Structure formats: structure tokens, C-alpha cells
Protein backbone atom coordinates (compact mmCIF):
# COMPACT_ATOMS: atom_id res chain seq x y z
CA MET A 1 24.31 3.92 -9.40
CA ILE A 2 21.06 3.69 -7.45
CA GLN A 3 20.31 6.63 -5.16
CA TYR A 4 19.73 5.52 -1.57
CA ALA A 5 16.83 7.86 -0.76
CA THR A 6 15.00 7.10 -4.01
CA PHE A 7 15.40 3.35 -3.59
CA VAL A 8 14.24 3.17 0.02
CA LYS A 9 11.36 5.61 -0.46
CA THR A 10 10.06 3.80 -3.55
CA VAL A 11 10.14 0.43 -1.79
CA GLY A 12 8.48 1.87 1.30
CA ASP A 13 5.73 3.54 -0.72
CA GLN A 14 5.00 0.37 -2.70
CA ALA A 15 4.93 -1.95 0.29
CA GLY A 16 3.23 0.40 2.75
CA ALA A 17 6.11 0.85 5.19
CA THR A 18 5.27 2.53 8.47
CA ASP A 19 8.27 4.86 8.10
CA THR A 20 11.64 5.21 6.37
CA GLU A 21 13.45 3.22 9.05
CA GLU A 22 11.16 0.23 8.56
CA ALA A 23 11.67 0.44 4.80
CA ARG A 24 15.45 0.58 5.23
CA HIS A 25 15.52 -2.49 7.48
CA ALA A 26 13.34 -4.39 5.02
CA VAL A 27 15.50 -3.45 2.03
CA GLU A 28 18.64 -4.54 3.86
CA ALA A 29 17.08 -7.88 4.80
CA VAL A 30 15.94 -8.57 1.23
CA LEU A 31 19.33 -7.64 -0.23
CA ALA A 32 21.13 -9.91 2.24
CA VAL A 33 18.95 -12.91 1.37
CA VAL A 34 19.18 -12.18 -2.36
CA ALA A 35 22.97 -11.90 -2.14
CA ALA A 36 23.10 -15.38 -0.63
CA ALA A 37 21.50 -16.74 -3.81
CA LEU A 38 24.13 -15.18 -6.09
CA ASP A 39 27.58 -16.40 -7.02
CA PRO A 40 30.53 -14.09 -6.17
CA THR A 41 30.59 -12.44 -9.61
CA ASP A 42 26.89 -11.62 -9.61
CA ARG A 43 27.09 -10.52 -5.99
CA GLU A 44 29.74 -8.01 -7.01
CA ARG A 45 27.48 -6.79 -9.83
CA LEU A 46 24.70 -6.23 -7.34
CA ALA A 47 26.96 -4.46 -4.84
CA ALA A 48 28.39 -2.22 -7.57
CA VAL A 49 25.03 -0.54 -8.26
CA LEU A 50 23.99 -0.17 -4.63
CA PRO A 51 24.66 3.02 -2.68
CA GLY A 52 27.47 2.66 -0.16
CA SER A 53 25.10 2.53 2.80
CA LEU A 54 23.42 -0.60 1.39
CA ARG A 55 26.44 -2.48 0.04
CA GLY A 56 27.08 -4.00 3.43
CA ALA A 57 23.78 -5.87 3.20
CA ALA A 58 24.99 -7.71 0.08
CA GLU A 59 28.25 -8.58 1.83
CA VAL A 60 26.39 -9.91 4.87
CA GLY A 61 24.46 -12.27 2.63
CA ALA A 62 27.62 -13.72 1.15
CA GLY A 63 28.07 -16.27 3.91
CA SER A 64 24.43 -17.34 4.19
CA SER A 65 22.81 -20.45 2.75
CA PRO A 66 21.13 -19.70 -0.59
CA PRO A 67 17.34 -20.08 -0.67
CA GLY A 68 16.19 -22.96 -2.84
CA SER A 69 12.74 -21.62 -3.65
CA ALA A 70 10.66 -18.46 -3.56
CA THR A 71 9.03 -19.74 -0.38
CA GLU A 72 12.42 -20.15 1.29
CA LEU A 73 13.53 -16.70 0.15
CA VAL A 74 10.42 -15.02 1.55
CA SER A 75 10.65 -17.11 4.73
CA ALA A 76 14.28 -16.08 5.21
CA VAL A 77 13.40 -12.40 4.89
CA GLY A 78 10.48 -12.83 7.28
CA ALA A 79 12.75 -14.58 9.80
CA VAL A 80 15.27 -11.73 9.71
CA LEU A 81 12.59 -9.09 10.22
CA GLY A 82 10.30 -11.07 12.51
CA TRP A 83 7.40 -10.56 10.11
CA PRO A 84 4.67 -12.86 8.80
CA GLY A 85 5.04 -14.21 5.28
CA GLU A 86 2.50 -11.94 3.58
CA ARG A 87 4.22 -8.81 4.85
CA ALA A 88 7.70 -10.12 4.05
CA ARG A 89 6.60 -11.05 0.51
CA PHE A 90 5.32 -7.50 -0.05
CA PHE A 91 8.76 -6.09 0.73
CA VAL A 92 10.59 -8.76 -1.28
CA GLN A 93 8.48 -7.96 -4.31
CA ALA A 94 8.72 -4.19 -3.82
CA THR A 95 12.51 -4.32 -3.36
CA LEU A 96 13.19 -6.53 -6.37
CA SER A 97 10.81 -4.72 -8.72
CA THR A 98 12.29 -1.35 -7.72
CA LEU A 99 15.81 -2.69 -8.14
CA ALA A 100 14.99 -3.94 -11.64
CA ASP A 101 13.31 -0.63 -12.56
CA LEU A 102 16.25 1.48 -11.38
CA GLU A 103 18.90 -0.86 -12.86
CA PRO A 104 17.25 -2.69 -15.81
CA GLU A 105 20.34 -4.79 -16.56
CA LEU A 106 19.85 -6.49 -13.20
CA ALA A 107 16.42 -7.80 -14.22
CA ASP A 108 17.90 -10.66 -16.24
CA LEU A 109 20.32 -11.50 -13.44
CA LEU A 110 17.50 -11.69 -10.91
CA ASP A 111 15.42 -13.84 -13.24
CA ARG A 112 18.28 -16.28 -13.80
CA ARG A 113 19.73 -16.50 -10.32
CA LEU A 114 16.74 -16.26 -8.00
CA PRO A 115 14.15 -19.00 -7.61
CA ASP A 116 11.04 -17.72 -9.40
CA GLY A 117 12.91 -14.45 -9.93
CA ALA A 118 10.58 -12.98 -12.57
CA GLU A 119 7.60 -13.63 -10.34
CA LEU A 120 9.24 -12.18 -7.24
CA ARG A 121 10.22 -8.97 -8.99
CA ALA A 122 6.81 -8.40 -10.60
CA PRO A 123 5.25 -5.09 -9.50
CA LEU A 124 2.89 -5.53 -6.58
CA ASP A 125 -0.23 -4.81 -8.63
CA GLN A 126 0.64 -7.31 -11.37
CA GLY A 127 0.26 -11.04 -11.46
CA VAL A 128 -1.22 -13.48 -9.01
CA PRO A 129 1.22 -14.62 -6.34
CA PRO A 130 1.21 -18.42 -6.11
CA ARG A 131 -0.27 -20.20 -3.13
CA GLY A 132 2.56 -20.79 -0.70
CA SER A 133 4.70 -17.88 -1.90
CA GLY A 134 4.97 -16.72 1.70
CA VAL A 135 5.19 -18.31 5.11
CA PRO A 136 1.94 -20.18 5.78
CA THR A 137 -0.41 -18.25 8.03
CA ASP A 138 -1.93 -19.63 11.21
CA LEU A 139 -5.42 -19.31 9.73
CA SER A 140 -6.85 -20.94 6.62
CA PRO A 141 -8.54 -18.22 4.55
CA ARG A 142 -12.03 -18.92 3.24
CA LEU A 143 -13.11 -17.42 -0.07
CA LEU A 144 -16.23 -15.28 0.19
CA GLU A 145 -19.06 -15.01 -2.31
CA ARG A 146 -20.26 -11.60 -3.44
CA ASP A 147 -23.38 -11.67 -1.25
CA GLU A 148 -21.27 -12.47 1.81
CA ILE A 149 -18.96 -9.56 1.01
CA ASP A 150 -21.90 -7.19 0.50
CA ARG A 151 -23.32 -8.15 3.89
CA ALA A 152 -19.95 -7.66 5.55
CA LEU A 153 -19.52 -4.24 3.92
CA THR A 154 -22.73 -3.00 5.53
CA ALA A 155 -21.16 -3.61 8.95
CA LEU A 156 -17.87 -1.89 8.08
CA GLU A 157 -17.15 1.84 8.10
CA GLY A 158 -16.50 3.47 4.73
CA TRP A 159 -15.34 0.36 2.85
CA ASP A 160 -16.24 -0.59 -0.71
CA GLY A 161 -15.11 -3.36 -3.01
CA ASP A 162 -15.89 -6.70 -4.55
CA GLU A 163 -14.60 -10.28 -4.59
CA HIS A 164 -11.08 -9.12 -5.46
CA ARG A 165 -10.33 -6.06 -3.32
CA LEU A 166 -11.73 -4.08 -0.39
CA ARG A 167 -10.76 -0.41 0.01
CA ARG A 168 -11.18 2.36 2.52
CA ILE A 169 -9.84 5.93 2.38
CA VAL A 170 -9.34 7.55 5.77
CA GLY A 171 -8.94 11.32 6.11
CA LEU A 172 -6.53 12.15 8.92
CA PRO A 173 -4.76 15.17 10.37
CA PRO A 174 -1.05 14.79 9.56
CA ASP A 175 -0.11 14.10 13.18
CA ARG A 176 -2.48 11.10 13.35
CA VAL A 177 -1.17 9.22 10.30
CA THR A 178 1.76 7.54 12.04
CA PRO A 179 -0.27 6.45 15.10
CA LEU A 180 -2.89 4.93 12.80
CA ARG A 181 -0.35 3.08 10.68
CA ASN A 182 1.35 1.78 13.82
CA ALA A 183 -1.99 0.54 15.16
CA VAL A 184 -2.77 -1.18 11.86
CA ALA A 185 0.69 -2.77 11.82
CA ARG A 186 -0.02 -4.27 15.25
CA ALA A 187 -3.31 -5.69 13.97
CA GLU A 188 -1.51 -7.16 10.96
CA ARG A 189 0.98 -8.89 13.23
CA ASP A 190 -1.83 -10.27 15.39
CA LEU A 191 -3.65 -11.69 12.36
CA ASN A 192 -0.55 -12.67 10.38
CA HIS A 193 -2.21 -10.85 7.47
CA HIS A 194 -1.22 -7.67 5.64
CA ALA A 195 -2.98 -4.69 4.06
CA ARG A 196 -1.61 -2.48 1.34
CA VAL A 197 -1.36 1.08 2.65
CA GLU A 198 -1.00 4.14 0.42
CA GLN A 199 -0.64 7.79 1.41
CA GLY A 200 -2.39 10.17 -0.99
CA PRO A 201 -3.85 13.68 -1.14
CA ASP A 202 -7.23 12.44 0.10
CA GLY A 203 -5.81 10.55 3.07
CA VAL A 204 -4.59 7.03 3.81
CA THR A 205 -5.96 4.28 1.57
CA PHE A 206 -6.17 0.72 2.89
CA VAL A 207 -6.56 -2.12 0.39
CA VAL A 208 -7.07 -5.67 1.63
CA TRP A 209 -7.15 -8.99 -0.15
CA THR A 210 -5.57 -12.41 0.32
CA HIS A 211 -2.56 -12.33 -1.97
CA SER A 212 -2.07 -16.08 -2.26
CA LEU A 213 -5.60 -16.43 -3.67
CA ASP A 214 -5.96 -12.98 -5.28
CA ARG A 215 -9.44 -12.83 -3.74
CA VAL A 216 -11.19 -11.45 -0.70
CA THR A 217 -11.51 -13.94 2.15
CA ASP A 218 -12.83 -13.98 5.70
CA MET A 219 -9.36 -12.93 6.88
CA ASP A 220 -9.70 -9.68 4.92
CA ILE A 221 -13.03 -8.89 6.56
CA GLU A 222 -11.45 -9.40 9.97
CA LEU A 223 -8.51 -7.18 9.05
CA ALA A 224 -10.92 -4.51 7.80
CA ARG A 225 -12.71 -4.66 11.17
CA ARG A 226 -9.39 -4.23 12.96
CA ILE A 227 -8.54 -1.25 10.75
CA ASP A 228 -11.93 0.30 11.58
CA ALA A 229 -11.20 -0.17 15.27
CA ALA A 230 -7.79 1.45 14.85
CA VAL A 231 -9.34 4.42 13.03
CA THR A 232 -11.88 4.87 15.81
CA ALA A 233 -9.19 4.66 18.48
CA VAL A 234 -6.86 7.10 16.76
CA GLY A 235 -9.55 9.49 15.55
CA SER A 236 -10.19 10.55 11.97
CA SER A 237 -12.35 12.56 9.63
CA GLY A 238 -13.12 9.64 7.33
């Protein structure tokens, strides 16, 4: 059986959750929507491997309408959580890939029963998510050429990257990590665009790219600017 703490922490780390509570809510939302796509027998198989504190999520999903596509599944999760599509898709992918890793026999079930199941459970760093795999954003991203990216990088603080990814590592005192991540989360909601956030020994790493295109766009430059502003407001050593 899957261990609750391991499951939630792994999903949260992969998707860049602000804290454990956010990761738990996201996992519950994904499980409820996934359960709606399963028949009663497969739903029981899913519930059987979940820790008791998460089984209720699968039961909640039993009475819901099953999603007919990956877009609908991600949209349903986003609607439950009140999140934009890019952020919801991160947690869908992190939850399903972690579930398949911890219980390999479920991988085939997810592939067969979920729309685009193999794609949705692919690890976050693998594969190119299809255009439209999340809720459409309010802005239309514009692909940037390398010279445009290089010019933008000169105006940003501590970022490097290329046409595919932009990264910044921020050194922070431990008590400033949560305020920074909360500030970045607010910027993400404003822009309807999501960064990958990783906590490591050198600090907090932000990675931005437009997942539907697997390239850096003007939206990523704007998000990087917002992250810089958040770092300045919160205070950092990097």
C-alpha cells in the first residue's frame, strides 16, 4: 500500500507545491477526477492501494461525470482547485506519475482507462505536453528567438537559459522561503502561467518555460520579471 507522507511529499516536490497542505488538496482533487473515469472494479483497485486518508477522494469521484479527454481531466482538476490549466496539469502529471511509480501495476490501468493516460502520467521532465493539454490561458504565448532571449536575460537578475528553459537559483534564509513561494504563486495566478520550483541545498530554483510549446515564450520572460520582483520584495542573498 502507498504511504501517505511519501506520496504527498513526492507529488509536492515534483510539482513545486507551496506546502504540504497544497500538495494534499491537489492530490485529492486529481484522485477524485481520475476515479470518475474508472469503472467500479478499477475504482476499487485504485482505492485499495491508497492510504486510508486518501481513499475518500476516490469515493467522492465515483458520482462525477467522467472526463472525455486529457483537456477535460485537467480542466476538471483546475476547476476543483481554482487553478489555471498549466498549474493543474503539473499536479495531474506529478500525481499520476508518482502513483504509477509507487504501484507499477496501476500504470497499465491508468493507460487504458484515462484519456491520454500514458501522456498524463509521464514524469514532468519527459515528453512534450500537447498544445491544449491544459485550460487555455488568457494570453497567447509568442515564441522567442535566441537573440530576443539573450536581450531579455540582460535585464533579468541571475537568470540563464536558452530557447527551451530559463533558470534562476535564489539563496534564501529558511524563514524567507515560504513568503517567496507564496509571492510567486500569486504572480502565477495573475499571469495564468506556472513555474517549476525546486528546493535544493543551494536555494530555491525557478525554471520557466511554456509547457504546451516546450519552448520559452514572452510569457516566461514576464513571469521571470515577476519572480525577480518577488525576490526583491522578500529579500534574498541570490
